[in-house]
């Protein structure tokens, strides 16, 4: 996709990118302040999707909710895993039974 954009426009960065299964490529090919629209398949089992942003204004607005505890991450109850057990953490992910985030911490 990225090489197609460069071939068509001569510019490696675009204002908007729309596509199926963009993954990380969308955020790498869009200009600062641009928009990425991803088209995905229905989430299975039923769940929700989320949007990744590095927009400072949005993160500043979100911070009070995190600090007050109104928004809490869901961390897997088997963790956190020390870095020395990183293989165990990934094995747990591969079982498909992980709940929420599997946390690995680097400092004992």
PDB file of N, CA and C in Angstrom:
ATOM      1  N   UNK A   1       0.838  -1.196   0.000  1.00  0.00           N
ATOM      2  CA  UNK A   1       0.000   0.000   0.000  1.00  0.00           C
ATOM      3  C   UNK A   1       0.877   1.251   0.000  1.00  0.00           C
ATOM      4  N   UNK A   2       1.885   1.270   0.878  1.00  0.00           N
ATOM      5  CA  UNK A   2       2.737   2.446   0.996  1.00  0.00           C
ATOM      6  C   UNK A   2       3.432   2.747  -0.330  1.00  0.00           C
ATOM      7  N   UNK A   3       3.989   1.720  -0.981  1.00  0.00           N
ATOM      8  CA  UNK A   3       4.683   1.964  -2.247  1.00  0.00           C
ATOM      9  C   UNK A   3       3.710   2.453  -3.317  1.00  0.00           C
ATOM     10  N   UNK A   4       2.448   2.000  -3.265  1.00  0.00           N
ATOM     11  CA  UNK A   4       1.437   2.478  -4.222  1.00  0.00           C
ATOM     12  C   UNK A   4       1.167   3.963  -4.037  1.00  0.00           C
ATOM     13  N   UNK A   5       1.130   4.411  -2.775  1.00  0.00           N
ATOM     14  CA  UNK A   5       0.901   5.829  -2.485  1.00  0.00           C
ATOM     15  C   UNK A   5       2.041   6.664  -3.047  1.00  0.00           C
ATOM     16  N   UNK A   6       3.270   6.228  -2.816  1.00  0.00           N
ATOM     17  CA  UNK A   6       4.432   6.965  -3.316  1.00  0.00           C
ATOM     18  C   UNK A   6       4.407   7.000  -4.835  1.00  0.00           C
ATOM     19  N   UNK A   7       4.077   5.866  -5.481  1.00  0.00           N
ATOM     20  CA  UNK A   7       4.030   5.818  -6.941  1.00  0.00           C
ATOM     21  C   UNK A   7       2.989   6.779  -7.511  1.00  0.00           C
ATOM     22  N   UNK A   8       1.842   6.889  -6.851  1.00  0.00           N
ATOM     23  CA  UNK A   8       0.759   7.737  -7.355  1.00  0.00           C
ATOM     24  C   UNK A   8       0.958   9.218  -7.052  1.00  0.00           C
ATOM     25  N   UNK A   9       1.497   9.528  -5.882  1.00  0.00           N
ATOM     26  CA  UNK A   9       1.559  10.924  -5.450  1.00  0.00           C
ATOM     27  C   UNK A   9       2.957  11.512  -5.435  1.00  0.00           C
ATOM     28  N   UNK A  10       3.975  10.663  -5.377  1.00  0.00           N
ATOM     29  CA  UNK A  10       5.337  11.154  -5.248  1.00  0.00           C
ATOM     30  C   UNK A  10       5.672  11.559  -3.824  1.00  0.00           C
ATOM     31  N   UNK A  11       4.695  11.492  -2.926  1.00  0.00           N
ATOM     32  CA  UNK A  11       4.878  11.877  -1.522  1.00  0.00           C
ATOM     33  C   UNK A  11       4.667  10.635  -0.660  1.00  0.00           C
ATOM     34  N   UNK A  12       5.627  10.316   0.217  1.00  0.00           N
ATOM     35  CA  UNK A  12       5.471   9.114   1.033  1.00  0.00           C
ATOM     36  C   UNK A  12       4.420   9.235   2.132  1.00  0.00           C
ATOM     37  N   UNK A  13       3.895  10.439   2.369  1.00  0.00           N
ATOM     38  CA  UNK A  13       2.898  10.629   3.417  1.00  0.00           C
ATOM     39  C   UNK A  13       1.617  11.212   2.836  1.00  0.00           C
ATOM     40  N   UNK A  14       0.471  10.750   3.350  1.00  0.00           N
ATOM     41  CA  UNK A  14      -0.822  11.195   2.842  1.00  0.00           C
ATOM     42  C   UNK A  14      -1.646  11.811   3.961  1.00  0.00           C
ATOM     43  N   UNK A  15      -2.727  12.514   3.586  1.00  0.00           N
ATOM     44  CA  UNK A  15      -3.625  13.130   4.561  1.00  0.00           C
ATOM     45  C   UNK A  15      -4.602  12.123   5.149  1.00  0.00           C
ATOM     46  N   UNK A  16      -5.016  11.149   4.351  1.00  0.00           N
ATOM     47  CA  UNK A  16      -5.961  10.134   4.834  1.00  0.00           C
ATOM     48  C   UNK A  16      -5.658   8.810   4.147  1.00  0.00           C
ATOM     49  N   UNK A  17      -5.786   7.725   4.909  1.00  0.00           N
ATOM     50  CA  UNK A  17      -5.621   6.393   4.337  1.00  0.00           C
ATOM     51  C   UNK A  17      -6.806   5.552   4.785  1.00  0.00           C
ATOM     52  N   UNK A  18      -7.436   4.909   3.832  1.00  0.00           N
ATOM     53  CA  UNK A  18      -8.596   4.067   4.113  1.00  0.00           C
ATOM     54  C   UNK A  18      -8.299   2.681   3.556  1.00  0.00           C
ATOM     55  N   UNK A  19      -8.544   1.663   4.364  1.00  0.00           N
ATOM     56  CA  UNK A  19      -8.298   0.327   3.845  1.00  0.00           C
ATOM     57  C   UNK A  19      -8.639  -0.775   4.812  1.00  0.00           C
ATOM     58  N   UNK A  20      -8.603  -1.986   4.304  1.00  0.00           N
ATOM     59  CA  UNK A  20      -8.891  -3.181   5.079  1.00  0.00           C
ATOM     60  C   UNK A  20      -7.592  -3.712   5.663  1.00  0.00           C
ATOM     61  N   UNK A  21      -7.578  -3.952   6.963  1.00  0.00           N
ATOM     62  CA  UNK A  21      -6.415  -4.547   7.606  1.00  0.00           C
ATOM     63  C   UNK A  21      -5.172  -3.687   7.534  1.00  0.00           C
ATOM     64  N   UNK A  22      -5.290  -2.399   7.809  1.00  0.00           N
ATOM     65  CA  UNK A  22      -4.141  -1.503   7.722  1.00  0.00           C
ATOM     66  C   UNK A  22      -3.086  -1.808   8.773  1.00  0.00           C
ATOM     67  N   UNK A  23      -3.515  -2.250   9.949  1.00  0.00           N
ATOM     68  CA  UNK A  23      -2.560  -2.523  11.016  1.00  0.00           C
ATOM     69  C   UNK A  23      -1.695  -1.322  11.296  1.00  0.00           C
ATOM     70  N   UNK A  24      -0.390  -1.553  11.458  1.00  0.00           N
ATOM     71  CA  UNK A  24       0.544  -0.477  11.772  1.00  0.00           C
ATOM     72  C   UNK A  24       0.879   0.383  10.567  1.00  0.00           C
ATOM     73  N   UNK A  25       0.626  -0.100   9.351  1.00  0.00           N
ATOM     74  CA  UNK A  25       1.045   0.662   8.176  1.00  0.00           C
ATOM     75  C   UNK A  25       0.318   1.983   8.055  1.00  0.00           C
ATOM     76  N   UNK A  26      -0.935   2.048   8.489  1.00  0.00           N
ATOM     77  CA  UNK A  26      -1.695   3.290   8.390  1.00  0.00           C
ATOM     78  C   UNK A  26      -1.047   4.409   9.154  1.00  0.00           C
ATOM     79  N   UNK A  27      -0.633   4.152  10.383  1.00  0.00           N
ATOM     80  CA  UNK A  27      -0.037   5.211  11.194  1.00  0.00           C
ATOM     81  C   UNK A  27       1.336   5.613  10.678  1.00  0.00           C
ATOM     82  N   UNK A  28       1.969   4.794   9.853  1.00  0.00           N
ATOM     83  CA  UNK A  28       3.293   5.117   9.327  1.00  0.00           C
ATOM     84  C   UNK A  28       3.231   5.897   8.019  1.00  0.00           C
ATOM     85  N   UNK A  29       2.086   5.871   7.338  1.00  0.00           N
ATOM     86  CA  UNK A  29       2.008   6.518   6.029  1.00  0.00           C
ATOM     87  C   UNK A  29       1.205   7.807   6.026  1.00  0.00           C
ATOM     88  N   UNK A  30       0.602   8.154   7.157  1.00  0.00           N
ATOM     89  CA  UNK A  30      -0.253   9.338   7.227  1.00  0.00           C
ATOM     90  C   UNK A  30       0.516  10.511   7.818  1.00  0.00           C
ATOM     91  N   UNK A  31       0.320  11.687   7.222  1.00  0.00           N
ATOM     92  CA  UNK A  31       0.960  12.903   7.719  1.00  0.00           C
ATOM     93  C   UNK A  31       0.493  13.210   9.131  1.00  0.00           C
ATOM     94  N   UNK A  32       1.288  13.980   9.873  1.00  0.00           N
ATOM     95  CA  UNK A  32       0.885  14.416  11.210  1.00  0.00           C
ATOM     96  C   UNK A  32      -0.432  15.170  11.096  1.00  0.00           C
ATOM     97  N   UNK A  33      -1.390  14.805  11.945  1.00  0.00           N
ATOM     98  CA  UNK A  33      -2.712  15.414  11.896  1.00  0.00           C
ATOM     99  C   UNK A  33      -3.639  14.760  10.888  1.00  0.00           C
ATOM    100  N   UNK A  34      -3.126  13.756  10.144  1.00  0.00           N
ATOM    101  CA  UNK A  34      -3.943  13.059   9.158  1.00  0.00           C
ATOM    102  C   UNK A  34      -4.874  12.052   9.816  1.00  0.00           C
ATOM    103  N   UNK A  35      -5.593  11.310   9.004  1.00  0.00           N
ATOM    104  CA  UNK A  35      -6.609  10.377   9.491  1.00  0.00           C
ATOM    105  C   UNK A  35      -6.375   8.992   8.913  1.00  0.00           C
ATOM    106  N   UNK A  36      -6.526   7.977   9.758  1.00  0.00           N
ATOM    107  CA  UNK A  36      -6.485   6.585   9.317  1.00  0.00           C
ATOM    108  C   UNK A  36      -7.862   5.992   9.579  1.00  0.00           C
ATOM    109  N   UNK A  37      -8.469   5.431   8.552  1.00  0.00           N
ATOM    110  CA  UNK A  37      -9.758   4.764   8.702  1.00  0.00           C
ATOM    111  C   UNK A  37      -9.532   3.298   8.369  1.00  0.00           C
ATOM    112  N   UNK A  38      -9.694   2.442   9.365  1.00  0.00           N
ATOM    113  CA  UNK A  38      -9.517   1.013   9.154  1.00  0.00           C
ATOM    114  C   UNK A  38     -10.856   0.323   9.020  1.00  0.00           C
ATOM    115  N   UNK A  39     -10.933  -0.593   8.097  1.00  0.00           N
ATOM    116  CA  UNK A  39     -12.147  -1.383   7.915  1.00  0.00           C
ATOM    117  C   UNK A  39     -11.822  -2.778   8.430  1.00  0.00           C
ATOM    118  N   UNK A  40     -12.604  -3.242   9.398  1.00  0.00           N
ATOM    119  CA  UNK A  40     -12.313  -4.538   9.997  1.00  0.00           C
ATOM    120  C   UNK A  40     -13.505  -5.471   9.873  1.00  0.00           C
ATOM    121  N   UNK A  41     -13.233  -6.722  10.123  1.00  0.00           N
ATOM    122  CA  UNK A  41     -14.295  -7.717  10.189  1.00  0.00           C
ATOM    123  C   UNK A  41     -14.960  -7.616  11.546  1.00  0.00           C
ATOM    124  N   UNK A  42     -16.166  -8.165  11.700  1.00  0.00           N
ATOM    125  CA  UNK A  42     -16.818  -8.134  13.014  1.00  0.00           C
ATOM    126  C   UNK A  42     -15.931  -8.800  14.065  1.00  0.00           C
ATOM    127  N   UNK A  43     -15.936  -8.251  15.265  1.00  0.00           N
ATOM    128  CA  UNK A  43     -15.141  -8.797  16.356  1.00  0.00           C
ATOM    129  C   UNK A  43     -15.790 -10.092  16.813  1.00  0.00           C
ATOM    130  N   UNK A  44     -14.995 -11.143  16.958  1.00  0.00           N
ATOM    131  CA  UNK A  44     -15.528 -12.422  17.413  1.00  0.00           C
ATOM    132  C   UNK A  44     -14.585 -12.997  18.457  1.00  0.00           C
ATOM    133  N   UNK A  45     -15.040 -13.365  19.614  1.00  0.00           N
ATOM    134  CA  UNK A  45     -16.402 -13.252  20.100  1.00  0.00           C
ATOM    135  C   UNK A  45     -16.781 -11.785  20.264  1.00  0.00           C
ATOM    136  N   UNK A  46     -18.095 -11.508  20.467  1.00  0.00           N
ATOM    137  CA  UNK A  46     -18.526 -10.111  20.580  1.00  0.00           C
ATOM    138  C   UNK A  46     -17.656  -9.333  21.556  1.00  0.00           C
ATOM    139  N   UNK A  47     -17.257  -8.166  21.158  1.00  0.00           N
ATOM    140  CA  UNK A  47     -16.387  -7.339  21.987  1.00  0.00           C
ATOM    141  C   UNK A  47     -16.398  -5.922  21.477  1.00  0.00           C
ATOM    142  N   UNK A  48     -15.261  -5.287  21.532  1.00  0.00           N
ATOM    143  CA  UNK A  48     -15.168  -3.921  21.047  1.00  0.00           C
ATOM    144  C   UNK A  48     -13.788  -3.707  20.457  1.00  0.00           C
ATOM    145  N   UNK A  49     -13.668  -2.663  19.666  1.00  0.00           N
ATOM    146  CA  UNK A  49     -12.371  -2.291  19.127  1.00  0.00           C
ATOM    147  C   UNK A  49     -11.993  -0.944  19.714  1.00  0.00           C
ATOM    148  N   UNK A  50     -10.763  -0.537  19.513  1.00  0.00           N
ATOM    149  CA  UNK A  50     -10.311   0.729  20.064  1.00  0.00           C
ATOM    150  C   UNK A  50      -9.454   1.454  19.046  1.00  0.00           C
ATOM    151  N   UNK A  51      -9.223   2.718  19.301  1.00  0.00           N
ATOM    152  CA  UNK A  51      -8.423   3.551  18.414  1.00  0.00           C
ATOM    153  C   UNK A  51      -7.146   3.943  19.132  1.00  0.00           C
ATOM    154  N   UNK A  52      -6.035   3.819  18.451  1.00  0.00           N
ATOM    155  CA  UNK A  52      -4.736   4.212  18.984  1.00  0.00           C
ATOM    156  C   UNK A  52      -4.471   5.654  18.577  1.00  0.00           C
ATOM    157  N   UNK A  53      -4.043   6.472  19.537  1.00  0.00           N
ATOM    158  CA  UNK A  53      -3.723   7.861  19.207  1.00  0.00           C
ATOM    159  C   UNK A  53      -2.491   8.318  19.966  1.00  0.00           C
ATOM    160  N   UNK A  54      -1.758   9.208  19.367  1.00  0.00           N
ATOM    161  CA  UNK A  54      -0.655   9.863  20.067  1.00  0.00           C
ATOM    162  C   UNK A  54      -0.913  11.369  20.117  1.00  0.00           C
ATOM    163  N   UNK A  55      -2.165  11.765  19.896  1.00  0.00           N
ATOM    164  CA  UNK A  55      -2.558  13.173  19.926  1.00  0.00           C
ATOM    165  C   UNK A  55      -2.513  13.663  21.368  1.00  0.00           C
ATOM    166  N   UNK A  56      -1.597  14.579  21.657  1.00  0.00           N
ATOM    167  CA  UNK A  56      -1.412  15.086  23.014  1.00  0.00           C
ATOM    168  C   UNK A  56      -2.662  15.689  23.619  1.00  0.00           C
ATOM    169  N   UNK A  57      -3.470  16.396  22.823  1.00  0.00           N
ATOM    170  CA  UNK A  57      -4.685  17.026  23.351  1.00  0.00           C
ATOM    171  C   UNK A  57      -5.680  15.969  23.830  1.00  0.00           C
ATOM    172  N   UNK A  58      -5.815  14.901  23.070  1.00  0.00           N
ATOM    173  CA  UNK A  58      -6.731  13.828  23.466  1.00  0.00           C
ATOM    174  C   UNK A  58      -6.209  13.128  24.714  1.00  0.00           C
ATOM    175  N   UNK A  59      -4.915  12.856  24.745  1.00  0.00           N
ATOM    176  CA  UNK A  59      -4.332  12.179  25.910  1.00  0.00           C
ATOM    177  C   UNK A  59      -4.436  13.047  27.159  1.00  0.00           C
ATOM    178  N   UNK A  60      -4.298  14.359  27.013  1.00  0.00           N
ATOM    179  CA  UNK A  60      -4.442  15.272  28.153  1.00  0.00           C
ATOM    180  C   UNK A  60      -5.866  15.221  28.700  1.00  0.00           C
ATOM    181  N   UNK A  61      -6.859  15.154  27.812  1.00  0.00           N
ATOM    182  CA  UNK A  61      -8.255  15.060  28.259  1.00  0.00           C
ATOM    183  C   UNK A  61      -8.538  13.716  28.934  1.00  0.00           C
ATOM    184  N   UNK A  62      -7.871  12.669  28.504  1.00  0.00           N
ATOM    185  CA  UNK A  62      -8.084  11.331  29.041  1.00  0.00           C
ATOM    186  C   UNK A  62      -7.431  11.142  30.405  1.00  0.00           C
ATOM    187  N   UNK A  63      -6.330  11.814  30.650  1.00  0.00           N
ATOM    188  CA  UNK A  63      -5.540  11.617  31.865  1.00  0.00           C
ATOM    189  C   UNK A  63      -6.335  11.742  33.168  1.00  0.00           C
ATOM    190  N   UNK A  64      -7.204  12.750  33.362  1.00  0.00           N
ATOM    191  CA  UNK A  64      -7.960  12.829  34.621  1.00  0.00           C
ATOM    192  C   UNK A  64      -8.819  11.587  34.886  1.00  0.00           C
ATOM    193  N   UNK A  65      -9.366  10.987  33.835  1.00  0.00           N
ATOM    194  CA  UNK A  65     -10.175   9.783  34.009  1.00  0.00           C
ATOM    195  C   UNK A  65      -9.317   8.606  34.464  1.00  0.00           C
ATOM    196  N   UNK A  66      -8.097   8.538  33.948  1.00  0.00           N
ATOM    197  CA  UNK A  66      -7.182   7.481  34.377  1.00  0.00           C
ATOM    198  C   UNK A  66      -6.755   7.691  35.822  1.00  0.00           C
ATOM    199  N   UNK A  67      -6.392   8.932  36.157  1.00  0.00           N
ATOM    200  CA  UNK A  67      -5.926   9.229  37.514  1.00  0.00           C
ATOM    201  C   UNK A  67      -7.025   9.050  38.556  1.00  0.00           C
ATOM    202  N   UNK A  68      -8.272   9.347  38.201  1.00  0.00           N
ATOM    203  CA  UNK A  68      -9.375   9.225  39.159  1.00  0.00           C
ATOM    204  C   UNK A  68      -9.878   7.791  39.290  1.00  0.00           C
ATOM    205  N   UNK A  69      -9.450   6.927  38.391  1.00  0.00           N
ATOM    206  CA  UNK A  69      -9.897   5.541  38.444  1.00  0.00           C
ATOM    207  C   UNK A  69     -11.194   5.282  37.705  1.00  0.00           C
ATOM    208  N   UNK A  70     -11.733   6.302  37.012  1.00  0.00           N
ATOM    209  CA  UNK A  70     -12.965   6.103  36.240  1.00  0.00           C
ATOM    210  C   UNK A  70     -12.724   5.179  35.042  1.00  0.00           C
ATOM    211  N   UNK A  71     -11.503   5.204  34.524  1.00  0.00           N
ATOM    212  CA  UNK A  71     -11.105   4.278  33.465  1.00  0.00           C
ATOM    213  C   UNK A  71      -9.984   3.425  34.046  1.00  0.00           C
ATOM    214  N   UNK A  72     -10.179   2.115  34.015  1.00  0.00           N
ATOM    215  CA  UNK A  72      -9.171   1.207  34.560  1.00  0.00           C
ATOM    216  C   UNK A  72      -8.817   0.160  33.508  1.00  0.00           C
ATOM    217  N   UNK A  73      -7.530  -0.116  33.362  1.00  0.00           N
ATOM    218  CA  UNK A  73      -7.158  -1.194  32.443  1.00  0.00           C
ATOM    219  C   UNK A  73      -7.554  -2.538  33.042  1.00  0.00           C
ATOM    220  N   UNK A  74      -7.855  -3.481  32.191  1.00  0.00           N
ATOM    221  CA  UNK A  74      -8.140  -4.837  32.654  1.00  0.00           C
ATOM    222  C   UNK A  74      -6.873  -5.646  32.429  1.00  0.00           C
ATOM    223  N   UNK A  75      -6.243  -6.037  33.521  1.00  0.00           N
ATOM    224  CA  UNK A  75      -5.012  -6.816  33.445  1.00  0.00           C
ATOM    225  C   UNK A  75      -5.308  -8.272  33.773  1.00  0.00           C
ATOM    226  N   UNK A  76      -4.670  -9.171  33.053  1.00  0.00           N
ATOM    227  CA  UNK A  76      -4.868 -10.595  33.277  1.00  0.00           C
ATOM    228  C   UNK A  76      -4.488 -10.958  34.709  1.00  0.00           C
ATOM    229  N   UNK A  77      -5.338 -11.738  35.397  1.00  0.00           N
ATOM    230  CA  UNK A  77      -5.070 -12.080  36.792  1.00  0.00           C
ATOM    231  C   UNK A  77      -3.844 -12.972  36.997  1.00  0.00           C
ATOM    232  N   UNK A  78      -3.335 -13.617  35.939  1.00  0.00           N
ATOM    233  CA  UNK A  78      -2.136 -14.453  36.098  1.00  0.00           C
ATOM    234  C   UNK A  78      -0.865 -13.615  36.147  1.00  0.00           C
ATOM    235  N   UNK A  79      -0.948 -12.358  35.796  1.00  0.00           N
ATOM    236  CA  UNK A  79       0.221 -11.487  35.778  1.00  0.00           C
ATOM    237  C   UNK A  79       0.207 -10.567  36.966  1.00  0.00           C
ATOM    238  N   UNK A  80       1.091  -9.586  37.010  1.00  0.00           N
ATOM    239  CA  UNK A  80       2.098  -9.315  35.987  1.00  0.00           C
ATOM    240  C   UNK A  80       3.230 -10.340  36.036  1.00  0.00           C
ATOM    241  N   UNK A  81       3.889 -10.502  34.891  1.00  0.00           N
ATOM    242  CA  UNK A  81       4.998 -11.432  34.765  1.00  0.00           C
ATOM    243  C   UNK A  81       6.311 -10.665  34.831  1.00  0.00           C
ATOM    244  N   UNK A  82       7.289 -11.146  35.616  1.00  0.00           N
ATOM    245  CA  UNK A  82       8.607 -10.511  35.575  1.00  0.00           C
ATOM    246  C   UNK A  82       9.249 -10.811  34.219  1.00  0.00           C
ATOM    247  N   UNK A  83      10.175  -9.971  33.808  1.00  0.00           N
ATOM    248  CA  UNK A  83      10.829 -10.152  32.511  1.00  0.00           C
ATOM    249  C   UNK A  83      11.472 -11.533  32.401  1.00  0.00           C
ATOM    250  N   UNK A  84      11.931 -12.068  33.522  1.00  0.00           N
ATOM    251  CA  UNK A  84      12.558 -13.395  33.508  1.00  0.00           C
ATOM    252  C   UNK A  84      11.562 -14.495  33.123  1.00  0.00           C
ATOM    253  N   UNK A  85      10.259 -14.196  33.159  1.00  0.00           N
ATOM    254  CA  UNK A  85       9.208 -15.165  32.815  1.00  0.00           C
ATOM    255  C   UNK A  85       8.476 -14.765  31.531  1.00  0.00           C
ATOM    256  N   UNK A  86       9.159 -14.010  30.659  1.00  0.00           N
ATOM    257  CA  UNK A  86       8.525 -13.520  29.436  1.00  0.00           C
ATOM    258  C   UNK A  86       8.019 -14.675  28.565  1.00  0.00           C
ATOM    259  N   UNK A  87       8.740 -15.790  28.553  1.00  0.00           N
ATOM    260  CA  UNK A  87       8.299 -16.947  27.764  1.00  0.00           C
ATOM    261  C   UNK A  87       6.974 -17.475  28.314  1.00  0.00           C
ATOM    262  N   UNK A  88       6.845 -17.514  29.650  1.00  0.00           N
ATOM    263  CA  UNK A  88       5.584 -17.948  30.266  1.00  0.00           C
ATOM    264  C   UNK A  88       4.442 -17.000  29.899  1.00  0.00           C
ATOM    265  N   UNK A  89       4.731 -15.701  29.866  1.00  0.00           N
ATOM    266  CA  UNK A  89       3.702 -14.714  29.518  1.00  0.00           C
ATOM    267  C   UNK A  89       3.198 -14.942  28.095  1.00  0.00           C
ATOM    268  N   UNK A  90       4.120 -15.160  27.154  1.00  0.00           N
ATOM    269  CA  UNK A  90       3.706 -15.392  25.772  1.00  0.00           C
ATOM    270  C   UNK A  90       3.004 -16.741  25.616  1.00  0.00           C
ATOM    271  N   UNK A  91       3.442 -17.736  26.374  1.00  0.00           N
ATOM    272  CA  UNK A  91       2.748 -19.031  26.353  1.00  0.00           C
ATOM    273  C   UNK A  91       1.307 -18.860  26.825  1.00  0.00           C
ATOM    274  N   UNK A  92       1.130 -18.048  27.859  1.00  0.00           N
ATOM    275  CA  UNK A  92      -0.222 -17.774  28.364  1.00  0.00           C
ATOM    276  C   UNK A  92      -1.067 -17.075  27.293  1.00  0.00           C
ATOM    277  N   UNK A  93      -0.485 -16.116  26.578  1.00  0.00           N
ATOM    278  CA  UNK A  93      -1.206 -15.449  25.488  1.00  0.00           C
ATOM    279  C   UNK A  93      -1.634 -16.445  24.418  1.00  0.00           C
ATOM    280  N   UNK A  94      -0.738 -17.364  24.083  1.00  0.00           N
ATOM    281  CA  UNK A  94      -1.015 -18.322  23.015  1.00  0.00           C
ATOM    282  C   UNK A  94      -2.132 -19.297  23.368  1.00  0.00           C
ATOM    283  N   UNK A  95      -2.439 -19.464  24.651  1.00  0.00           N
ATOM    284  CA  UNK A  95      -3.534 -20.361  25.040  1.00  0.00           C
ATOM    285  C   UNK A  95      -4.886 -19.801  24.623  1.00  0.00           C
ATOM    286  N   UNK A  96      -4.945 -18.480  24.399  1.00  0.00           N
ATOM    287  CA  UNK A  96      -6.214 -17.844  24.065  1.00  0.00           C
ATOM    288  C   UNK A  96      -7.105 -17.630  25.279  1.00  0.00           C
ATOM    289  N   UNK A  97      -6.569 -17.857  26.466  1.00  0.00           N
ATOM    290  CA  UNK A  97      -7.358 -17.708  27.691  1.00  0.00           C
ATOM    291  C   UNK A  97      -6.978 -16.462  28.495  1.00  0.00           C
ATOM    292  N   UNK A  98      -6.098 -15.649  27.949  1.00  0.00           N
ATOM    293  CA  UNK A  98      -5.708 -14.416  28.644  1.00  0.00           C
ATOM    294  C   UNK A  98      -6.896 -13.466  28.684  1.00  0.00           C
ATOM    295  N   UNK A  99      -7.017 -12.759  29.786  1.00  0.00           N
ATOM    296  CA  UNK A  99      -8.106 -11.799  29.976  1.00  0.00           C
ATOM    297  C   UNK A  99      -7.482 -10.417  30.103  1.00  0.00           C
ATOM    298  N   UNK A 100      -7.833  -9.503  29.222  1.00  0.00           N
ATOM    299  CA  UNK A 100      -7.279  -8.153  29.295  1.00  0.00           C
ATOM    300  C   UNK A 100      -5.823  -8.124  28.858  1.00  0.00           C
ATOM    301  N   UNK A 101      -5.069  -7.249  29.482  1.00  0.00           N
ATOM    302  CA  UNK A 101      -3.665  -7.053  29.136  1.00  0.00           C
ATOM    303  C   UNK A 101      -2.787  -8.028  29.909  1.00  0.00           C
ATOM    304  N   UNK A 102      -1.828  -8.621  29.227  1.00  0.00           N
ATOM    305  CA  UNK A 102      -0.820  -9.441  29.889  1.00  0.00           C
ATOM    306  C   UNK A 102       0.383  -8.527  30.087  1.00  0.00           C
ATOM    307  N   UNK A 103       0.678  -8.225  31.345  1.00  0.00           N
ATOM    308  CA  UNK A 103       1.704  -7.240  31.687  1.00  0.00           C
ATOM    309  C   UNK A 103       3.020  -7.943  31.979  1.00  0.00           C
ATOM    310  N   UNK A 104       4.097  -7.420  31.375  1.00  0.00           N
ATOM    311  CA  UNK A 104       5.458  -7.891  31.643  1.00  0.00           C
ATOM    312  C   UNK A 104       6.223  -6.698  32.184  1.00  0.00           C
ATOM    313  N   UNK A 105       6.844  -6.865  33.354  1.00  0.00           N
ATOM    314  CA  UNK A 105       7.582  -5.737  33.917  1.00  0.00           C
ATOM    315  C   UNK A 105       9.082  -6.029  33.902  1.00  0.00           C
ATOM    316  N   UNK A 106       9.898  -5.008  33.569  1.00  0.00           N
ATOM    317  CA  UNK A 106      11.338  -5.217  33.406  1.00  0.00           C
ATOM    318  C   UNK A 106      12.143  -5.173  34.697  1.00  0.00           C
ATOM    319  N   UNK A 107      11.607  -4.578  35.737  1.00  0.00           N
ATOM    320  CA  UNK A 107      12.379  -4.393  36.965  1.00  0.00           C
ATOM    321  C   UNK A 107      11.834  -5.332  38.035  1.00  0.00           C
ATOM    322  N   UNK A 108      12.719  -6.116  38.683  1.00  0.00           N
ATOM    323  CA  UNK A 108      12.244  -7.052  39.719  1.00  0.00           C
ATOM    324  C   UNK A 108      11.635  -6.354  40.910  1.00  0.00           C
TER     325      UNK A 108
END
